[in-house]
């Protein structure tokens, strides 16, 4: 599975491509297959996202799980203050960072 991520231009938030828009929640990301670079280029040109890139992910019942630890951390939000990270539907989601 390959998913597309980047940063929202207005807020700087990490966002994930849902197939039609961007979401702050990695669980809503969809498989972009080999179309991720083209989607990212179009979305960046439209000024909806900054620095989009495609990553490998594993499909799970709770949604995609980024393959690389960097993107797992990005999916959960800031690491400085735990009260600011994005609360996933799965309360044990923090355990999949490592």
C-alpha atoms as a PDB file:
ATOM      1  CA  UNK A   1       0.000   0.000   0.000  1.00  0.00           C
ATOM      2  CA  UNK A   2       1.235   3.512  -0.816  1.00  0.00           C
ATOM      3  CA  UNK A   3      -0.257   6.644   0.723  1.00  0.00           C
ATOM      4  CA  UNK A   4       0.276  10.347   0.110  1.00  0.00           C
ATOM      5  CA  UNK A   5       1.171  12.823   2.829  1.00  0.00           C
ATOM      6  CA  UNK A   6       2.234  16.443   3.095  1.00  0.00           C
ATOM      7  CA  UNK A   7       1.550  19.548   5.134  1.00  0.00           C
ATOM      8  CA  UNK A   8      -1.515  21.776   4.967  1.00  0.00           C
ATOM      9  CA  UNK A   9      -0.493  25.202   3.693  1.00  0.00           C
ATOM     10  CA  UNK A  10      -2.858  27.142   5.953  1.00  0.00           C
ATOM     11  CA  UNK A  11      -2.091  25.406   9.243  1.00  0.00           C
ATOM     12  CA  UNK A  12       1.123  23.428   8.753  1.00  0.00           C
ATOM     13  CA  UNK A  13      -0.693  20.307   9.956  1.00  0.00           C
ATOM     14  CA  UNK A  14       0.394  16.917   8.655  1.00  0.00           C
ATOM     15  CA  UNK A  15      -2.274  15.749   6.204  1.00  0.00           C
ATOM     16  CA  UNK A  16      -3.088  12.543   4.345  1.00  0.00           C
ATOM     17  CA  UNK A  17      -4.765  12.128   0.936  1.00  0.00           C
ATOM     18  CA  UNK A  18      -8.265  10.616   1.223  1.00  0.00           C
ATOM     19  CA  UNK A  19      -8.942  10.178  -2.482  1.00  0.00           C
ATOM     20  CA  UNK A  20     -10.718  13.511  -2.865  1.00  0.00           C
ATOM     21  CA  UNK A  21      -9.316  15.797  -0.158  1.00  0.00           C
ATOM     22  CA  UNK A  22      -6.839  15.957   2.724  1.00  0.00           C
ATOM     23  CA  UNK A  23      -7.365  14.754   6.298  1.00  0.00           C
ATOM     24  CA  UNK A  24      -5.401  15.162   9.519  1.00  0.00           C
ATOM     25  CA  UNK A  25      -6.132  11.494  10.283  1.00  0.00           C
ATOM     26  CA  UNK A  26      -3.975   8.792   8.711  1.00  0.00           C
ATOM     27  CA  UNK A  27      -6.844   6.305   9.140  1.00  0.00           C
ATOM     28  CA  UNK A  28      -8.659   8.134   6.325  1.00  0.00           C
ATOM     29  CA  UNK A  29      -5.763   7.821   3.852  1.00  0.00           C
ATOM     30  CA  UNK A  30      -6.289   5.773   0.707  1.00  0.00           C
ATOM     31  CA  UNK A  31      -3.938   3.723  -1.434  1.00  0.00           C
ATOM     32  CA  UNK A  32      -2.656   5.942  -4.250  1.00  0.00           C
ATOM     33  CA  UNK A  33      -0.868   3.062  -6.007  1.00  0.00           C
ATOM     34  CA  UNK A  34       1.360   4.590  -8.722  1.00  0.00           C
ATOM     35  CA  UNK A  35      -0.619   7.838  -8.957  1.00  0.00           C
ATOM     36  CA  UNK A  36       0.686   9.503  -5.796  1.00  0.00           C
ATOM     37  CA  UNK A  37       3.333  11.674  -7.399  1.00  0.00           C
ATOM     38  CA  UNK A  38       0.861  13.046  -9.971  1.00  0.00           C
ATOM     39  CA  UNK A  39      -1.791  13.712  -7.313  1.00  0.00           C
ATOM     40  CA  UNK A  40       0.793  15.388  -5.089  1.00  0.00           C
ATOM     41  CA  UNK A  41       2.055  17.597  -7.914  1.00  0.00           C
ATOM     42  CA  UNK A  42      -1.481  18.699  -8.811  1.00  0.00           C
ATOM     43  CA  UNK A  43      -2.391  19.410  -5.183  1.00  0.00           C
ATOM     44  CA  UNK A  44       0.826  21.336  -4.587  1.00  0.00           C
ATOM     45  CA  UNK A  45       0.266  23.374  -7.768  1.00  0.00           C
ATOM     46  CA  UNK A  46      -3.248  24.189  -6.542  1.00  0.00           C
ATOM     47  CA  UNK A  47      -1.652  25.387  -3.277  1.00  0.00           C
ATOM     48  CA  UNK A  48      -3.591  23.013  -1.050  1.00  0.00           C
ATOM     49  CA  UNK A  49      -0.566  21.161   0.328  1.00  0.00           C
ATOM     50  CA  UNK A  50       3.155  21.684   0.779  1.00  0.00           C
ATOM     51  CA  UNK A  51       5.857  19.128  -0.008  1.00  0.00           C
ATOM     52  CA  UNK A  52       3.637  16.100  -0.674  1.00  0.00           C
ATOM     53  CA  UNK A  53       5.320  12.718  -0.916  1.00  0.00           C
ATOM     54  CA  UNK A  54       4.335   9.071  -1.198  1.00  0.00           C
ATOM     55  CA  UNK A  55       5.147   6.595   1.565  1.00  0.00           C
ATOM     56  CA  UNK A  56       4.788   2.879   2.037  1.00  0.00           C
ATOM     57  CA  UNK A  57       2.149   1.760   4.502  1.00  0.00           C
ATOM     58  CA  UNK A  58       0.563  -1.417   5.772  1.00  0.00           C
ATOM     59  CA  UNK A  59      -3.188  -1.872   5.536  1.00  0.00           C
ATOM     60  CA  UNK A  60      -4.687  -2.679   8.946  1.00  0.00           C
ATOM     61  CA  UNK A  61      -8.294  -2.973  10.135  1.00  0.00           C
ATOM     62  CA  UNK A  62      -7.878   0.479  11.751  1.00  0.00           C
ATOM     63  CA  UNK A  63      -6.563   2.037   8.533  1.00  0.00           C
ATOM     64  CA  UNK A  64      -3.124   2.501   7.021  1.00  0.00           C
ATOM     65  CA  UNK A  65      -0.058   2.202   9.232  1.00  0.00           C
ATOM     66  CA  UNK A  66       3.004   4.035   7.863  1.00  0.00           C
ATOM     67  CA  UNK A  67       5.945   1.693   7.324  1.00  0.00           C
ATOM     68  CA  UNK A  68       8.624   4.113   8.496  1.00  0.00           C
ATOM     69  CA  UNK A  69       8.848   5.362  12.078  1.00  0.00           C
ATOM     70  CA  UNK A  70       9.217   8.985  10.912  1.00  0.00           C
ATOM     71  CA  UNK A  71       5.791   8.877   9.309  1.00  0.00           C
ATOM     72  CA  UNK A  72       4.247   6.995  12.231  1.00  0.00           C
ATOM     73  CA  UNK A  73       5.357   9.851  14.463  1.00  0.00           C
ATOM     74  CA  UNK A  74       4.024  12.420  11.964  1.00  0.00           C
ATOM     75  CA  UNK A  75       0.675  10.578  11.980  1.00  0.00           C
ATOM     76  CA  UNK A  76       0.291  11.037  15.745  1.00  0.00           C
ATOM     77  CA  UNK A  77       1.188  14.726  15.836  1.00  0.00           C
ATOM     78  CA  UNK A  78       3.665  16.788  17.837  1.00  0.00           C
ATOM     79  CA  UNK A  79       6.004  14.918  20.137  1.00  0.00           C
ATOM     80  CA  UNK A  80       6.680  17.875  22.406  1.00  0.00           C
ATOM     81  CA  UNK A  81       3.403  17.865  24.339  1.00  0.00           C
ATOM     82  CA  UNK A  82       1.280  14.704  24.441  1.00  0.00           C
ATOM     83  CA  UNK A  83      -1.888  16.751  24.998  1.00  0.00           C
ATOM     84  CA  UNK A  84      -1.493  18.147  21.462  1.00  0.00           C
ATOM     85  CA  UNK A  85      -1.194  14.930  19.510  1.00  0.00           C
ATOM     86  CA  UNK A  86      -4.067  13.756  17.327  1.00  0.00           C
ATOM     87  CA  UNK A  87      -6.293  11.379  19.244  1.00  0.00           C
ATOM     88  CA  UNK A  88      -6.916   8.341  17.011  1.00  0.00           C
ATOM     89  CA  UNK A  89     -10.005   6.210  17.374  1.00  0.00           C
ATOM     90  CA  UNK A  90      -7.794   3.401  18.649  1.00  0.00           C
ATOM     91  CA  UNK A  91      -6.488   4.314  22.133  1.00  0.00           C
ATOM     92  CA  UNK A  92      -3.539   1.949  21.717  1.00  0.00           C
ATOM     93  CA  UNK A  93      -2.370   3.654  18.499  1.00  0.00           C
ATOM     94  CA  UNK A  94       0.620   5.121  20.284  1.00  0.00           C
ATOM     95  CA  UNK A  95       2.007   1.618  20.690  1.00  0.00           C
ATOM     96  CA  UNK A  96       2.481   1.260  16.934  1.00  0.00           C
ATOM     97  CA  UNK A  97       5.019   4.081  16.715  1.00  0.00           C
ATOM     98  CA  UNK A  98       7.857   1.682  17.482  1.00  0.00           C
END
